[in-house]
Amino acid sequence: MSQRDRRAPRSGVEWEFDKVSFDREWPRGVVAKLLVERAEHGGWELDRVRIGNDGIRRVVLRRKIIRAVRTA
């Protein structure tokens, strides 16, 4: 399950966020590999990881939004 939104926490920097959750059946090593793949190929970085009482890992990834500036 993945969910994306956009925020601007500071002026001049915009971030795109992606929320991903993994069931407790997923081994830690597999989750780490999947997150590394997203980081290397998608430009994502780890923002937050929460492990609930039910064992579900809720991960928030972020990446900078780079806006192209038009030159005249």
PDB file of N, CA and C in Angstrom:
ATOM      1  N   MET A   1       0.845  -1.166   0.000  1.00  0.00           N
ATOM      2  CA  MET A   1       0.000   0.000   0.000  1.00  0.00           C
ATOM      3  C   MET A   1       0.888   1.226   0.000  1.00  0.00           C
ATOM      4  N   SER A   2       0.632   2.140  -0.883  1.00  0.00           N
ATOM      5  CA  SER A   2       1.468   3.320  -1.025  1.00  0.00           C
ATOM      6  C   SER A   2       0.585   4.553  -1.176  1.00  0.00           C
ATOM      7  N   GLN A   3       1.037   5.637  -0.594  1.00  0.00           N
ATOM      8  CA  GLN A   3       0.244   6.854  -0.618  1.00  0.00           C
ATOM      9  C   GLN A   3       1.207   8.035  -0.731  1.00  0.00           C
ATOM     10  N   ARG A   4       0.955   8.950  -1.642  1.00  0.00           N
ATOM     11  CA  ARG A   4       1.870  10.074  -1.850  1.00  0.00           C
ATOM     12  C   ARG A   4       1.184  11.397  -1.552  1.00  0.00           C
ATOM     13  N   ASP A   5       1.960  12.330  -1.009  1.00  0.00           N
ATOM     14  CA  ASP A   5       1.495  13.698  -0.856  1.00  0.00           C
ATOM     15  C   ASP A   5       2.695  14.631  -0.968  1.00  0.00           C
ATOM     16  N   ARG A   6       2.418  15.919  -1.004  1.00  0.00           N
ATOM     17  CA  ARG A   6       3.484  16.905  -1.168  1.00  0.00           C
ATOM     18  C   ARG A   6       3.370  17.951  -0.068  1.00  0.00           C
ATOM     19  N   ARG A   7       4.530  18.350   0.450  1.00  0.00           N
ATOM     20  CA  ARG A   7       4.585  19.371   1.492  1.00  0.00           C
ATOM     21  C   ARG A   7       5.780  20.274   1.248  1.00  0.00           C
ATOM     22  N   ALA A   8       5.726  21.480   1.783  1.00  0.00           N
ATOM     23  CA  ALA A   8       6.856  22.406   1.741  1.00  0.00           C
ATOM     24  C   ALA A   8       7.177  22.829   3.170  1.00  0.00           C
ATOM     25  N   PRO A   9       8.023  22.045   3.897  1.00  0.00           N
ATOM     26  CA  PRO A   9       8.310  22.375   5.289  1.00  0.00           C
ATOM     27  C   PRO A   9       9.123  23.648   5.454  1.00  0.00           C
ATOM     28  N   ARG A  10       9.994  23.947   4.506  1.00  0.00           N
ATOM     29  CA  ARG A  10      10.792  25.162   4.553  1.00  0.00           C
ATOM     30  C   ARG A  10      10.608  25.890   3.244  1.00  0.00           C
ATOM     31  N   SER A  11      10.855  27.187   3.267  1.00  0.00           N
ATOM     32  CA  SER A  11      10.728  27.940   2.032  1.00  0.00           C
ATOM     33  C   SER A  11      11.845  27.532   1.075  1.00  0.00           C
ATOM     34  N   GLY A  12      11.494  27.340  -0.184  1.00  0.00           N
ATOM     35  CA  GLY A  12      12.471  26.996  -1.198  1.00  0.00           C
ATOM     36  C   GLY A  12      12.691  25.506  -1.398  1.00  0.00           C
ATOM     37  N   VAL A  13      12.284  24.671  -0.452  1.00  0.00           N
ATOM     38  CA  VAL A  13      12.472  23.228  -0.583  1.00  0.00           C
ATOM     39  C   VAL A  13      11.101  22.569  -0.562  1.00  0.00           C
ATOM     40  N   GLU A  14      10.825  21.806  -1.602  1.00  0.00           N
ATOM     41  CA  GLU A  14       9.575  21.052  -1.646  1.00  0.00           C
ATOM     42  C   GLU A  14       9.913  19.574  -1.629  1.00  0.00           C
ATOM     43  N   TRP A  15       9.142  18.820  -0.874  1.00  0.00           N
ATOM     44  CA  TRP A  15       9.344  17.386  -0.743  1.00  0.00           C
ATOM     45  C   TRP A  15       8.108  16.654  -1.214  1.00  0.00           C
ATOM     46  N   GLU A  16       8.328  15.499  -1.809  1.00  0.00           N
ATOM     47  CA  GLU A  16       7.254  14.572  -2.136  1.00  0.00           C
ATOM     48  C   GLU A  16       7.395  13.405  -1.163  1.00  0.00           C
ATOM     49  N   PHE A  17       6.301  13.009  -0.548  1.00  0.00           N
ATOM     50  CA  PHE A  17       6.315  11.934   0.442  1.00  0.00           C
ATOM     51  C   PHE A  17       5.562  10.723  -0.079  1.00  0.00           C
ATOM     52  N   ASP A  18       6.045   9.560   0.285  1.00  0.00           N
ATOM     53  CA  ASP A  18       5.404   8.304  -0.104  1.00  0.00           C
ATOM     54  C   ASP A  18       5.290   7.432   1.140  1.00  0.00           C
ATOM     55  N   LYS A  19       4.078   7.026   1.467  1.00  0.00           N
ATOM     56  CA  LYS A  19       3.839   6.196   2.647  1.00  0.00           C
ATOM     57  C   LYS A  19       3.662   4.750   2.205  1.00  0.00           C
ATOM     58  N   VAL A  20       4.457   3.864   2.806  1.00  0.00           N
ATOM     59  CA  VAL A  20       4.434   2.442   2.462  1.00  0.00           C
ATOM     60  C   VAL A  20       4.292   1.659   3.761  1.00  0.00           C
ATOM     61  N   SER A  21       3.529   0.581   3.725  1.00  0.00           N
ATOM     62  CA  SER A  21       3.421  -0.260   4.920  1.00  0.00           C
ATOM     63  C   SER A  21       3.701  -1.718   4.540  1.00  0.00           C
ATOM     64  N   PHE A  22       4.332  -2.429   5.469  1.00  0.00           N
ATOM     65  CA  PHE A  22       4.701  -3.825   5.278  1.00  0.00           C
ATOM     66  C   PHE A  22       4.111  -4.643   6.419  1.00  0.00           C
ATOM     67  N   ASP A  23       3.487  -5.777   6.090  1.00  0.00           N
ATOM     68  CA  ASP A  23       2.936  -6.679   7.108  1.00  0.00           C
ATOM     69  C   ASP A  23       4.058  -7.302   7.933  1.00  0.00           C
ATOM     70  N   ARG A  24       3.693  -7.838   9.067  1.00  0.00           N
ATOM     71  CA  ARG A  24       4.680  -8.437   9.963  1.00  0.00           C
ATOM     72  C   ARG A  24       5.310  -9.697   9.387  1.00  0.00           C
ATOM     73  N   GLU A  25       4.688 -10.313   8.373  1.00  0.00           N
ATOM     74  CA  GLU A  25       5.240 -11.516   7.766  1.00  0.00           C
ATOM     75  C   GLU A  25       6.485 -11.248   6.931  1.00  0.00           C
ATOM     76  N   TRP A  26       6.693  -9.977   6.517  1.00  0.00           N
ATOM     77  CA  TRP A  26       7.856  -9.630   5.704  1.00  0.00           C
ATOM     78  C   TRP A  26       9.095  -9.601   6.590  1.00  0.00           C
ATOM     79  N   PRO A  27      10.121 -10.384   6.257  1.00  0.00           N
ATOM     80  CA  PRO A  27      11.363 -10.354   7.044  1.00  0.00           C
ATOM     81  C   PRO A  27      12.059  -8.993   6.937  1.00  0.00           C
ATOM     82  N   ARG A  28      12.787  -8.658   7.977  1.00  0.00           N
ATOM     83  CA  ARG A  28      13.473  -7.367   8.043  1.00  0.00           C
ATOM     84  C   ARG A  28      14.428  -7.172   6.865  1.00  0.00           C
ATOM     85  N   GLY A  29      15.157  -8.218   6.505  1.00  0.00           N
ATOM     86  CA  GLY A  29      16.106  -8.121   5.396  1.00  0.00           C
ATOM     87  C   GLY A  29      15.437  -7.822   4.066  1.00  0.00           C
ATOM     88  N   VAL A  30      14.276  -8.414   3.832  1.00  0.00           N
ATOM     89  CA  VAL A  30      13.536  -8.185   2.589  1.00  0.00           C
ATOM     90  C   VAL A  30      13.035  -6.747   2.540  1.00  0.00           C
ATOM     91  N   VAL A  31      12.512  -6.251   3.655  1.00  0.00           N
ATOM     92  CA  VAL A  31      12.033  -4.862   3.708  1.00  0.00           C
ATOM     93  C   VAL A  31      13.198  -3.909   3.446  1.00  0.00           C
ATOM     94  N   ALA A  32      14.350  -4.185   4.048  1.00  0.00           N
ATOM     95  CA  ALA A  32      15.528  -3.334   3.845  1.00  0.00           C
ATOM     96  C   ALA A  32      15.935  -3.320   2.374  1.00  0.00           C
ATOM     97  N   LYS A  33      15.936  -4.491   1.718  1.00  0.00           N
ATOM     98  CA  LYS A  33      16.293  -4.558   0.303  1.00  0.00           C
ATOM     99  C   LYS A  33      15.330  -3.751  -0.562  1.00  0.00           C
ATOM    100  N   LEU A  34      14.038  -3.863  -0.275  1.00  0.00           N
ATOM    101  CA  LEU A  34      13.048  -3.111  -1.048  1.00  0.00           C
ATOM    102  C   LEU A  34      13.239  -1.607  -0.888  1.00  0.00           C
ATOM    103  N   LEU A  35      13.521  -1.175   0.335  1.00  0.00           N
ATOM    104  CA  LEU A  35      13.721   0.255   0.572  1.00  0.00           C
ATOM    105  C   LEU A  35      15.007   0.757  -0.080  1.00  0.00           C
ATOM    106  N   VAL A  36      16.043  -0.069  -0.073  1.00  0.00           N
ATOM    107  CA  VAL A  36      17.292   0.309  -0.745  1.00  0.00           C
ATOM    108  C   VAL A  36      17.068   0.449  -2.245  1.00  0.00           C
ATOM    109  N   GLU A  37      16.304  -0.468  -2.832  1.00  0.00           N
ATOM    110  CA  GLU A  37      15.989  -0.376  -4.265  1.00  0.00           C
ATOM    111  C   GLU A  37      15.276   0.931  -4.594  1.00  0.00           C
ATOM    112  N   ARG A  38      14.301   1.298  -3.767  1.00  0.00           N
ATOM    113  CA  ARG A  38      13.569   2.541  -4.012  1.00  0.00           C
ATOM    114  C   ARG A  38      14.470   3.746  -3.859  1.00  0.00           C
ATOM    115  N   ALA A  39      15.416   3.677  -2.921  1.00  0.00           N
ATOM    116  CA  ALA A  39      16.340   4.785  -2.711  1.00  0.00           C
ATOM    117  C   ALA A  39      17.298   4.929  -3.894  1.00  0.00           C
ATOM    118  N   GLU A  40      17.847   3.811  -4.356  1.00  0.00           N
ATOM    119  CA  GLU A  40      18.822   3.863  -5.441  1.00  0.00           C
ATOM    120  C   GLU A  40      18.211   4.219  -6.782  1.00  0.00           C
ATOM    121  N   HIS A  41      17.031   3.696  -7.074  1.00  0.00           N
ATOM    122  CA  HIS A  41      16.447   3.884  -8.394  1.00  0.00           C
ATOM    123  C   HIS A  41      15.394   4.985  -8.457  1.00  0.00           C
ATOM    124  N   GLY A  42      14.830   5.362  -7.331  1.00  0.00           N
ATOM    125  CA  GLY A  42      13.781   6.375  -7.355  1.00  0.00           C
ATOM    126  C   GLY A  42      14.168   7.692  -6.709  1.00  0.00           C
ATOM    127  N   GLY A  43      15.329   7.728  -6.079  1.00  0.00           N
ATOM    128  CA  GLY A  43      15.763   8.965  -5.436  1.00  0.00           C
ATOM    129  C   GLY A  43      15.110   9.222  -4.090  1.00  0.00           C
ATOM    130  N   TRP A  44      14.516   8.200  -3.487  1.00  0.00           N
ATOM    131  CA  TRP A  44      13.834   8.350  -2.208  1.00  0.00           C
ATOM    132  C   TRP A  44      14.826   8.229  -1.061  1.00  0.00           C
ATOM    133  N   GLU A  45      14.529   8.897   0.040  1.00  0.00           N
ATOM    134  CA  GLU A  45      15.296   8.725   1.272  1.00  0.00           C
ATOM    135  C   GLU A  45      14.328   8.455   2.413  1.00  0.00           C
ATOM    136  N   LEU A  46      14.836   7.807   3.445  1.00  0.00           N
ATOM    137  CA  LEU A  46      14.015   7.409   4.573  1.00  0.00           C
ATOM    138  C   LEU A  46      13.705   8.627   5.447  1.00  0.00           C
ATOM    139  N   ASP A  47      12.427   8.853   5.713  1.00  0.00           N
ATOM    140  CA  ASP A  47      12.013   9.953   6.578  1.00  0.00           C
ATOM    141  C   ASP A  47      11.600   9.438   7.948  1.00  0.00           C
ATOM    142  N   ARG A  48      10.823   8.347   7.979  1.00  0.00           N
ATOM    143  CA  ARG A  48      10.293   7.849   9.255  1.00  0.00           C
ATOM    144  C   ARG A  48       9.906   6.382   9.136  1.00  0.00           C
ATOM    145  N   VAL A  49      10.140   5.646  10.216  1.00  0.00           N
ATOM    146  CA  VAL A  49       9.701   4.244  10.301  1.00  0.00           C
ATOM    147  C   VAL A  49       8.993   4.080  11.633  1.00  0.00           C
ATOM    148  N   ARG A  50       7.799   3.519  11.599  1.00  0.00           N
ATOM    149  CA  ARG A  50       7.055   3.222  12.828  1.00  0.00           C
ATOM    150  C   ARG A  50       6.617   1.775  12.768  1.00  0.00           C
ATOM    151  N   ILE A  51       6.858   1.067  13.850  1.00  0.00           N
ATOM    152  CA  ILE A  51       6.412  -0.323  13.942  1.00  0.00           C
ATOM    153  C   ILE A  51       5.303  -0.358  14.982  1.00  0.00           C
ATOM    154  N   GLY A  52       4.108  -0.707  14.541  1.00  0.00           N
ATOM    155  CA  GLY A  52       2.951  -0.718  15.423  1.00  0.00           C
ATOM    156  C   GLY A  52       2.907  -1.941  16.311  1.00  0.00           C
ATOM    157  N   ASN A  53       1.993  -1.922  17.260  1.00  0.00           N
ATOM    158  CA  ASN A  53       1.805  -3.068  18.158  1.00  0.00           C
ATOM    159  C   ASN A  53       1.393  -4.327  17.398  1.00  0.00           C
ATOM    160  N   ASP A  54       0.782  -4.132  16.233  1.00  0.00           N
ATOM    161  CA  ASP A  54       0.369  -5.262  15.403  1.00  0.00           C
ATOM    162  C   ASP A  54       1.511  -5.789  14.536  1.00  0.00           C
ATOM    163  N   GLY A  55       2.691  -5.160  14.606  1.00  0.00           N
ATOM    164  CA  GLY A  55       3.857  -5.607  13.855  1.00  0.00           C
ATOM    165  C   GLY A  55       3.973  -5.021  12.470  1.00  0.00           C
ATOM    166  N   ILE A  56       3.024  -4.184  12.067  1.00  0.00           N
ATOM    167  CA  ILE A  56       3.070  -3.578  10.738  1.00  0.00           C
ATOM    168  C   ILE A  56       4.077  -2.433  10.739  1.00  0.00           C
ATOM    169  N   ARG A  57       4.990  -2.456   9.750  1.00  0.00           N
ATOM    170  CA  ARG A  57       5.959  -1.372   9.594  1.00  0.00           C
ATOM    171  C   ARG A  57       5.356  -0.312   8.691  1.00  0.00           C
ATOM    172  N   ARG A  58       5.258   0.895   9.199  1.00  0.00           N
ATOM    173  CA  ARG A  58       4.770   2.030   8.407  1.00  0.00           C
ATOM    174  C   ARG A  58       5.962   2.924   8.118  1.00  0.00           C
ATOM    175  N   VAL A  59       6.288   3.042   6.842  1.00  0.00           N
ATOM    176  CA  VAL A  59       7.490   3.745   6.414  1.00  0.00           C
ATOM    177  C   VAL A  59       7.080   4.979   5.618  1.00  0.00           C
ATOM    178  N   VAL A  60       7.733   6.099   5.883  1.00  0.00           N
ATOM    179  CA  VAL A  60       7.526   7.321   5.114  1.00  0.00           C
ATOM    180  C   VAL A  60       8.843   7.640   4.414  1.00  0.00           C
ATOM    181  N   LEU A  61       8.778   7.708   3.090  1.00  0.00           N
ATOM    182  CA  LEU A  61       9.929   8.060   2.270  1.00  0.00           C
ATOM    183  C   LEU A  61       9.730   9.464   1.734  1.00  0.00           C
ATOM    184  N   ARG A  62      10.828  10.144   1.419  1.00  0.00           N
ATOM    185  CA  ARG A  62      10.706  11.483   0.850  1.00  0.00           C
ATOM    186  C   ARG A  62      11.765  11.690  -0.219  1.00  0.00           C
ATOM    187  N   ARG A  63      11.455  12.611  -1.148  1.00  0.00           N
ATOM    188  CA  ARG A  63      12.439  13.041  -2.138  1.00  0.00           C
ATOM    189  C   ARG A  63      12.142  14.482  -2.512  1.00  0.00           C
ATOM    190  N   LYS A  64      13.193  15.180  -2.881  1.00  0.00           N
ATOM    191  CA  LYS A  64      13.049  16.590  -3.232  1.00  0.00           C
ATOM    192  C   LYS A  64      12.357  16.723  -4.576  1.00  0.00           C
ATOM    193  N   ILE A  65      11.539  17.748  -4.670  1.00  0.00           N
ATOM    194  CA  ILE A  65      10.917  18.096  -5.940  1.00  0.00           C
ATOM    195  C   ILE A  65      11.761  19.222  -6.519  1.00  0.00           C
ATOM    196  N   ILE A  66      12.333  18.962  -7.677  1.00  0.00           N
ATOM    197  CA  ILE A  66      13.191  19.958  -8.310  1.00  0.00           C
ATOM    198  C   ILE A  66      12.400  20.595  -9.449  1.00  0.00           C
ATOM    199  N   ARG A  67      12.178  21.865  -9.315  1.00  0.00           N
ATOM    200  CA  ARG A  67      11.424  22.605 -10.321  1.00  0.00           C
ATOM    201  C   ARG A  67      12.396  23.196 -11.339  1.00  0.00           C
ATOM    202  N   ALA A  68      12.057  23.043 -12.606  1.00  0.00           N
ATOM    203  CA  ALA A  68      12.870  23.641 -13.672  1.00  0.00           C
ATOM    204  C   ALA A  68      12.522  25.120 -13.777  1.00  0.00           C
ATOM    205  N   VAL A  69      13.545  25.950 -13.804  1.00  0.00           N
ATOM    206  CA  VAL A  69      13.347  27.389 -13.922  1.00  0.00           C
ATOM    207  C   VAL A  69      13.538  27.771 -15.383  1.00  0.00           C
ATOM    208  N   ARG A  70      12.564  28.463 -15.922  1.00  0.00           N
ATOM    209  CA  ARG A  70      12.618  28.863 -17.324  1.00  0.00           C
ATOM    210  C   ARG A  70      13.534  30.060 -17.464  1.00  0.00           C
ATOM    211  N   THR A  71      14.457  29.985 -18.413  1.00  0.00           N
ATOM    212  CA  THR A  71      15.337  31.110 -18.688  1.00  0.00           C
ATOM    213  C   THR A  71      14.879  31.805 -19.953  1.00  0.00           C
ATOM    214  N   ALA A  72      14.954  33.111 -19.931  1.00  0.00           N
ATOM    215  CA  ALA A  72      14.462  33.873 -21.090  1.00  0.00           C
ATOM    216  C   ALA A  72      15.563  34.266 -22.015  1.00  0.00           C
TER     217      ALA A  72
END
